[in-house]
């Protein structure tokens, strides 16, 4: 997946907004842009691979079951920093191995769903996620 395809997919999800932070990473949040009324659901950024090439990586939140499966999947690993703090975040390493772009989009969409469920019930209703 390219950075452009990643950002195009994320912007199409409901009530998302984009910020660039943490050393130039594309950080996507669900909710409202006001402080405390949003949740990070996916991060795209560049890292250097073993061959010194720059690789676009994507980190996303997932269920415990998906985490247990993906952490040992080729091209994936527990997301640095986030998973070391007990969070179930996976980093896809940018190589076309392990999971396809379509599968990655499914995981990103699921991360969006998981994180929007962590917004307050009031905000979820306001945004139309709850009836």
N, C-alpha and C. Protein backbone atom coordinates (compact mmCIF):
# COMPACT_ATOMS: atom_id res chain seq x y z
N UNK A 1 0.85 -1.18 0.00
CA UNK A 1 0.00 0.00 0.00
C UNK A 1 0.90 1.24 0.00
N UNK A 2 0.53 2.19 -0.81
CA UNK A 2 1.28 3.44 -0.86
C UNK A 2 0.72 4.43 0.16
N UNK A 3 1.47 5.46 0.45
CA UNK A 3 1.01 6.50 1.37
C UNK A 3 -0.24 7.17 0.82
N UNK A 4 -0.29 7.43 -0.47
CA UNK A 4 -1.47 8.07 -1.07
C UNK A 4 -2.71 7.18 -0.95
N UNK A 5 -2.56 5.89 -1.25
CA UNK A 5 -3.70 4.97 -1.11
C UNK A 5 -4.16 4.88 0.34
N UNK A 6 -3.21 4.85 1.25
CA UNK A 6 -3.51 4.82 2.68
C UNK A 6 -4.34 6.03 3.09
N UNK A 7 -3.86 7.21 2.75
CA UNK A 7 -4.57 8.44 3.14
C UNK A 7 -5.93 8.55 2.45
N UNK A 8 -6.03 8.11 1.20
CA UNK A 8 -7.31 8.14 0.49
C UNK A 8 -8.32 7.22 1.15
N UNK A 9 -7.87 6.06 1.60
CA UNK A 9 -8.78 5.14 2.27
C UNK A 9 -9.25 5.72 3.61
N UNK A 10 -8.33 6.26 4.38
CA UNK A 10 -8.67 6.76 5.72
C UNK A 10 -9.60 7.96 5.67
N UNK A 11 -9.41 8.86 4.71
CA UNK A 11 -10.25 10.06 4.64
C UNK A 11 -11.70 9.70 4.31
N UNK A 12 -11.92 8.55 3.68
CA UNK A 12 -13.26 8.14 3.30
C UNK A 12 -14.06 7.53 4.46
N UNK A 13 -13.39 7.19 5.55
CA UNK A 13 -14.10 6.65 6.71
C UNK A 13 -14.83 7.78 7.43
N UNK A 14 -15.98 7.48 8.04
CA UNK A 14 -16.77 8.55 8.66
C UNK A 14 -16.10 9.20 9.87
N UNK A 15 -16.23 10.52 9.90
CA UNK A 15 -15.78 11.36 11.03
C UNK A 15 -14.31 11.17 11.37
N UNK A 16 -13.48 11.14 10.32
CA UNK A 16 -12.05 11.04 10.54
C UNK A 16 -11.39 12.39 10.26
N UNK A 17 -10.27 12.60 10.86
CA UNK A 17 -9.45 13.76 10.53
C UNK A 17 -7.98 13.36 10.65
N UNK A 18 -7.17 14.11 9.94
CA UNK A 18 -5.76 13.79 9.74
C UNK A 18 -4.89 14.85 10.38
N UNK A 19 -3.86 14.41 11.06
CA UNK A 19 -2.84 15.32 11.56
C UNK A 19 -1.48 14.70 11.25
N UNK A 20 -0.49 15.55 11.11
CA UNK A 20 0.87 15.08 10.94
C UNK A 20 1.60 15.36 12.24
N UNK A 21 2.08 14.32 12.87
CA UNK A 21 2.78 14.47 14.16
C UNK A 21 3.77 13.33 14.32
N UNK A 22 4.45 13.33 15.42
CA UNK A 22 5.40 12.28 15.76
C UNK A 22 6.42 12.08 14.65
N UNK A 23 7.10 13.12 14.27
CA UNK A 23 8.16 13.02 13.28
C UNK A 23 7.67 12.86 11.86
N UNK A 24 6.51 13.42 11.55
CA UNK A 24 6.01 13.40 10.18
C UNK A 24 5.08 12.25 9.85
N UNK A 25 4.57 11.56 10.85
CA UNK A 25 3.65 10.44 10.60
C UNK A 25 2.26 10.96 10.25
N UNK A 26 1.57 10.22 9.37
CA UNK A 26 0.16 10.49 9.06
C UNK A 26 -0.66 9.82 10.14
N UNK A 27 -1.25 10.62 11.01
CA UNK A 27 -2.03 10.10 12.13
C UNK A 27 -3.51 10.37 11.85
N UNK A 28 -4.30 9.32 11.85
CA UNK A 28 -5.73 9.43 11.58
C UNK A 28 -6.50 9.17 12.87
N UNK A 29 -7.47 10.06 13.11
CA UNK A 29 -8.27 10.00 14.33
C UNK A 29 -9.75 9.97 13.96
N UNK A 30 -10.54 9.37 14.83
CA UNK A 30 -11.99 9.35 14.67
C UNK A 30 -12.59 10.16 15.81
N UNK A 31 -13.62 10.92 15.50
CA UNK A 31 -14.27 11.77 16.49
C UNK A 31 -14.29 13.20 16.03
N UNK A 32 -14.20 14.10 16.97
CA UNK A 32 -14.15 15.52 16.67
C UNK A 32 -12.74 16.03 16.94
N UNK A 33 -12.28 17.00 16.16
CA UNK A 33 -10.89 17.47 16.30
C UNK A 33 -10.56 18.12 17.65
N UNK A 34 -11.57 18.49 18.43
CA UNK A 34 -11.28 19.12 19.72
C UNK A 34 -10.51 18.16 20.63
N UNK A 35 -9.68 18.70 21.46
CA UNK A 35 -8.88 17.89 22.37
C UNK A 35 -9.79 17.02 23.24
N UNK A 36 -9.47 15.75 23.31
CA UNK A 36 -10.20 14.83 24.17
C UNK A 36 -11.46 14.26 23.53
N UNK A 37 -11.77 14.66 22.31
CA UNK A 37 -12.99 14.16 21.67
C UNK A 37 -12.67 13.37 20.42
N UNK A 38 -11.52 12.71 20.43
CA UNK A 38 -11.14 11.87 19.30
C UNK A 38 -10.20 10.78 19.78
N UNK A 39 -10.06 9.77 18.93
CA UNK A 39 -9.18 8.64 19.24
C UNK A 39 -8.35 8.30 18.00
N UNK A 40 -7.07 8.07 18.18
CA UNK A 40 -6.20 7.63 17.10
C UNK A 40 -6.60 6.20 16.73
N UNK A 41 -6.80 5.94 15.43
CA UNK A 41 -7.11 4.58 15.02
C UNK A 41 -6.09 3.98 14.06
N UNK A 42 -5.25 4.83 13.43
CA UNK A 42 -4.23 4.29 12.54
C UNK A 42 -3.13 5.33 12.33
N UNK A 43 -1.92 4.83 12.12
CA UNK A 43 -0.75 5.69 11.93
C UNK A 43 0.04 5.15 10.74
N UNK A 44 0.36 6.04 9.81
CA UNK A 44 1.20 5.66 8.67
C UNK A 44 2.48 6.48 8.71
N UNK A 45 3.59 5.86 8.55
CA UNK A 45 4.85 6.59 8.60
C UNK A 45 5.98 5.83 7.92
N UNK A 46 7.08 6.51 7.79
CA UNK A 46 8.25 5.95 7.11
C UNK A 46 9.28 5.46 8.12
N UNK A 47 9.93 4.35 7.77
CA UNK A 47 11.05 3.85 8.57
C UNK A 47 12.08 3.29 7.61
N UNK A 48 13.27 3.14 8.10
CA UNK A 48 14.34 2.56 7.28
C UNK A 48 14.36 1.04 7.45
N UNK A 49 14.39 0.36 6.34
CA UNK A 49 14.46 -1.10 6.35
C UNK A 49 15.93 -1.52 6.52
N UNK A 50 16.16 -2.81 6.65
CA UNK A 50 17.52 -3.33 6.84
C UNK A 50 18.43 -2.97 5.68
N UNK A 51 17.88 -2.86 4.48
CA UNK A 51 18.69 -2.50 3.30
C UNK A 51 18.83 -0.99 3.14
N UNK A 52 18.45 -0.24 4.16
CA UNK A 52 18.54 1.23 4.23
C UNK A 52 17.55 1.94 3.31
N UNK A 53 16.58 1.21 2.75
CA UNK A 53 15.53 1.82 1.96
C UNK A 53 14.43 2.33 2.89
N UNK A 54 13.79 3.42 2.49
CA UNK A 54 12.66 3.92 3.27
C UNK A 54 11.42 3.12 2.90
N UNK A 55 10.68 2.69 3.92
CA UNK A 55 9.50 1.85 3.74
C UNK A 55 8.32 2.51 4.46
N UNK A 56 7.17 2.57 3.78
CA UNK A 56 5.96 3.11 4.39
C UNK A 56 5.30 2.01 5.20
N UNK A 57 5.09 2.26 6.48
CA UNK A 57 4.51 1.29 7.41
C UNK A 57 3.18 1.81 7.94
N UNK A 58 2.32 0.89 8.32
CA UNK A 58 1.01 1.25 8.87
C UNK A 58 0.83 0.52 10.19
N UNK A 59 0.47 1.28 11.24
CA UNK A 59 0.18 0.69 12.55
C UNK A 59 -1.29 0.89 12.86
N UNK A 60 -1.93 -0.15 13.37
CA UNK A 60 -3.37 -0.09 13.64
C UNK A 60 -3.72 -0.88 14.89
N UNK A 61 -4.81 -0.48 15.51
CA UNK A 61 -5.33 -1.17 16.69
C UNK A 61 -6.13 -2.37 16.21
N UNK A 62 -6.11 -3.46 16.96
CA UNK A 62 -6.87 -4.64 16.58
C UNK A 62 -7.33 -5.39 17.83
N UNK A 63 -8.18 -6.37 17.62
CA UNK A 63 -8.66 -7.20 18.74
C UNK A 63 -7.51 -8.06 19.25
N UNK A 64 -7.70 -8.64 20.41
CA UNK A 64 -6.68 -9.52 20.97
C UNK A 64 -6.47 -10.76 20.10
N UNK A 65 -7.55 -11.28 19.52
CA UNK A 65 -7.45 -12.46 18.65
C UNK A 65 -6.64 -12.11 17.40
N UNK A 66 -6.96 -10.96 16.77
CA UNK A 66 -6.22 -10.54 15.58
C UNK A 66 -4.76 -10.27 15.92
N UNK A 67 -4.51 -9.68 17.07
CA UNK A 67 -3.14 -9.40 17.50
C UNK A 67 -2.34 -10.69 17.63
N UNK A 68 -2.94 -11.70 18.26
CA UNK A 68 -2.27 -12.99 18.45
C UNK A 68 -1.91 -13.62 17.11
N UNK A 69 -2.79 -13.48 16.13
CA UNK A 69 -2.55 -14.03 14.80
C UNK A 69 -1.52 -13.19 14.03
N UNK A 70 -1.71 -11.86 14.01
CA UNK A 70 -0.89 -10.99 13.17
C UNK A 70 0.55 -10.81 13.66
N UNK A 71 0.77 -10.92 14.96
CA UNK A 71 2.13 -10.68 15.46
C UNK A 71 3.15 -11.66 14.90
N UNK A 72 2.68 -12.82 14.44
CA UNK A 72 3.56 -13.83 13.86
C UNK A 72 3.39 -13.96 12.34
N UNK A 73 2.62 -13.05 11.75
CA UNK A 73 2.39 -13.07 10.30
C UNK A 73 3.55 -12.37 9.60
N UNK A 74 4.06 -12.95 8.51
CA UNK A 74 5.14 -12.28 7.78
C UNK A 74 4.72 -10.86 7.38
N UNK A 75 5.63 -9.92 7.56
CA UNK A 75 5.35 -8.53 7.21
C UNK A 75 4.68 -7.74 8.32
N UNK A 76 4.38 -8.38 9.43
CA UNK A 76 3.73 -7.71 10.56
C UNK A 76 4.54 -7.94 11.83
N UNK A 77 4.35 -7.05 12.78
CA UNK A 77 4.97 -7.20 14.09
C UNK A 77 4.18 -6.36 15.09
N UNK A 78 4.33 -6.63 16.38
CA UNK A 78 3.71 -5.73 17.36
C UNK A 78 4.24 -4.31 17.13
N UNK A 79 3.35 -3.34 17.12
CA UNK A 79 3.74 -1.96 16.83
C UNK A 79 4.69 -1.44 17.90
N UNK A 80 5.85 -0.92 17.48
CA UNK A 80 6.79 -0.35 18.45
C UNK A 80 6.10 0.71 19.30
N UNK A 81 6.50 0.81 20.52
CA UNK A 81 6.00 1.75 21.53
C UNK A 81 4.60 1.36 21.99
N UNK A 82 3.64 1.26 21.10
CA UNK A 82 2.26 1.02 21.50
C UNK A 82 2.07 -0.36 22.12
N UNK A 83 2.55 -1.40 21.45
CA UNK A 83 2.34 -2.74 21.99
C UNK A 83 3.19 -2.99 23.22
N UNK A 84 4.30 -2.28 23.36
CA UNK A 84 5.12 -2.47 24.56
C UNK A 84 4.44 -1.90 25.80
N UNK A 85 3.38 -1.15 25.61
CA UNK A 85 2.59 -0.60 26.71
C UNK A 85 1.28 -1.36 26.92
N UNK A 86 1.23 -2.57 26.38
CA UNK A 86 0.09 -3.44 26.60
C UNK A 86 -1.07 -3.22 25.63
N UNK A 87 -0.89 -2.37 24.63
CA UNK A 87 -1.96 -2.11 23.68
C UNK A 87 -1.85 -3.10 22.52
N UNK A 88 -2.99 -3.49 21.97
CA UNK A 88 -3.00 -4.44 20.86
C UNK A 88 -2.94 -3.68 19.53
N UNK A 89 -1.73 -3.24 19.21
CA UNK A 89 -1.47 -2.53 17.95
C UNK A 89 -0.45 -3.33 17.16
N UNK A 90 -0.71 -3.46 15.87
CA UNK A 90 0.17 -4.17 14.94
C UNK A 90 0.75 -3.18 13.94
N UNK A 91 2.00 -3.41 13.56
CA UNK A 91 2.60 -2.61 12.48
C UNK A 91 2.81 -3.51 11.27
N UNK A 92 2.25 -3.09 10.14
CA UNK A 92 2.50 -3.74 8.86
C UNK A 92 3.71 -3.07 8.26
N UNK A 93 4.69 -3.84 7.80
CA UNK A 93 5.99 -3.28 7.47
C UNK A 93 6.14 -2.69 6.07
N UNK A 94 5.07 -2.63 5.30
CA UNK A 94 5.15 -1.98 4.01
C UNK A 94 5.55 -2.86 2.86
N UNK A 95 5.94 -4.08 3.13
CA UNK A 95 6.26 -5.01 2.05
C UNK A 95 5.00 -5.81 1.72
N UNK A 96 4.88 -6.19 0.49
CA UNK A 96 3.69 -6.93 0.07
C UNK A 96 3.82 -8.40 0.45
N UNK A 97 3.79 -8.63 1.73
CA UNK A 97 3.84 -10.00 2.24
C UNK A 97 2.92 -10.09 3.45
N UNK A 98 2.44 -11.27 3.73
CA UNK A 98 1.62 -11.47 4.93
C UNK A 98 0.17 -11.09 4.74
N UNK A 99 -0.11 -9.83 4.47
CA UNK A 99 -1.49 -9.39 4.25
C UNK A 99 -1.53 -8.49 3.01
N UNK A 100 -2.63 -8.59 2.30
CA UNK A 100 -2.82 -7.81 1.08
C UNK A 100 -3.30 -6.39 1.43
N UNK A 101 -3.31 -5.52 0.44
CA UNK A 101 -3.84 -4.16 0.65
C UNK A 101 -5.31 -4.24 1.07
N UNK A 102 -6.06 -5.14 0.46
CA UNK A 102 -7.49 -5.28 0.82
C UNK A 102 -7.64 -5.70 2.28
N UNK A 103 -6.84 -6.66 2.70
CA UNK A 103 -6.89 -7.10 4.10
C UNK A 103 -6.45 -5.97 5.03
N UNK A 104 -5.42 -5.23 4.63
CA UNK A 104 -4.98 -4.10 5.45
C UNK A 104 -6.09 -3.08 5.60
N UNK A 105 -6.80 -2.79 4.51
CA UNK A 105 -7.95 -1.88 4.58
C UNK A 105 -9.00 -2.40 5.55
N UNK A 106 -9.24 -3.71 5.54
CA UNK A 106 -10.21 -4.30 6.48
C UNK A 106 -9.75 -4.10 7.92
N UNK A 107 -8.46 -4.28 8.18
CA UNK A 107 -7.93 -4.07 9.54
C UNK A 107 -8.02 -2.59 9.94
N UNK A 108 -7.76 -1.69 9.02
CA UNK A 108 -7.87 -0.26 9.30
C UNK A 108 -9.33 0.09 9.62
N UNK A 109 -10.24 -0.44 8.83
CA UNK A 109 -11.67 -0.17 9.07
C UNK A 109 -12.11 -0.73 10.42
N UNK A 110 -11.61 -1.91 10.76
CA UNK A 110 -11.94 -2.48 12.06
C UNK A 110 -11.34 -1.65 13.20
N UNK A 111 -10.14 -1.14 13.01
CA UNK A 111 -9.53 -0.27 14.02
C UNK A 111 -10.38 0.99 14.21
N UNK A 112 -10.87 1.54 13.12
CA UNK A 112 -11.76 2.71 13.19
C UNK A 112 -12.99 2.36 14.03
N UNK A 113 -13.58 1.18 13.78
CA UNK A 113 -14.77 0.74 14.51
C UNK A 113 -14.45 0.53 16.01
N UNK A 114 -13.31 -0.10 16.29
CA UNK A 114 -12.93 -0.33 17.70
C UNK A 114 -12.70 0.98 18.45
N UNK A 115 -12.03 1.92 17.81
CA UNK A 115 -11.70 3.17 18.49
C UNK A 115 -12.91 4.10 18.61
N UNK A 116 -13.80 4.08 17.63
CA UNK A 116 -14.99 4.93 17.77
C UNK A 116 -15.89 4.41 18.90
N UNK A 117 -15.81 3.12 19.18
CA UNK A 117 -16.57 2.55 20.30
C UNK A 117 -16.02 3.03 21.64
N UNK A 118 -14.80 3.57 21.66
CA UNK A 118 -14.20 4.09 22.89
C UNK A 118 -14.53 5.56 23.12
N UNK A 119 -15.19 6.20 22.14
CA UNK A 119 -15.67 7.57 22.35
C UNK A 119 -16.82 7.53 23.35
N UNK A 120 -17.13 8.65 23.96
CA UNK A 120 -18.26 8.68 24.88
C UNK A 120 -19.54 8.32 24.14
N UNK A 121 -20.50 7.73 24.83
CA UNK A 121 -21.78 7.37 24.22
C UNK A 121 -22.47 8.61 23.65
N UNK A 122 -22.36 9.72 24.37
CA UNK A 122 -22.96 10.96 23.90
C UNK A 122 -22.36 11.37 22.55
N UNK A 123 -21.06 11.31 22.43
CA UNK A 123 -20.40 11.69 21.18
C UNK A 123 -20.72 10.68 20.08
N UNK A 124 -20.77 9.40 20.42
CA UNK A 124 -21.13 8.39 19.42
C UNK A 124 -22.52 8.67 18.84
N UNK A 125 -23.47 9.04 19.70
CA UNK A 125 -24.82 9.38 19.23
C UNK A 125 -24.79 10.64 18.37
N UNK A 126 -24.04 11.65 18.82
CA UNK A 126 -23.92 12.92 18.08
C UNK A 126 -23.36 12.69 16.68
N UNK A 127 -22.42 11.77 16.54
CA UNK A 127 -21.80 11.50 15.25
C UNK A 127 -22.58 10.50 14.41
N UNK A 128 -23.64 9.93 14.98
CA UNK A 128 -24.47 8.99 14.24
C UNK A 128 -24.01 7.55 14.29
N UNK A 129 -23.07 7.24 15.18
CA UNK A 129 -22.61 5.86 15.32
C UNK A 129 -23.57 5.02 16.15
N UNK A 130 -24.35 5.67 17.00
CA UNK A 130 -25.38 5.00 17.82
C UNK A 130 -26.72 5.65 17.54
N UNK A 131 -27.75 4.88 17.65
CA UNK A 131 -29.11 5.42 17.46
C UNK A 131 -29.72 5.80 18.79
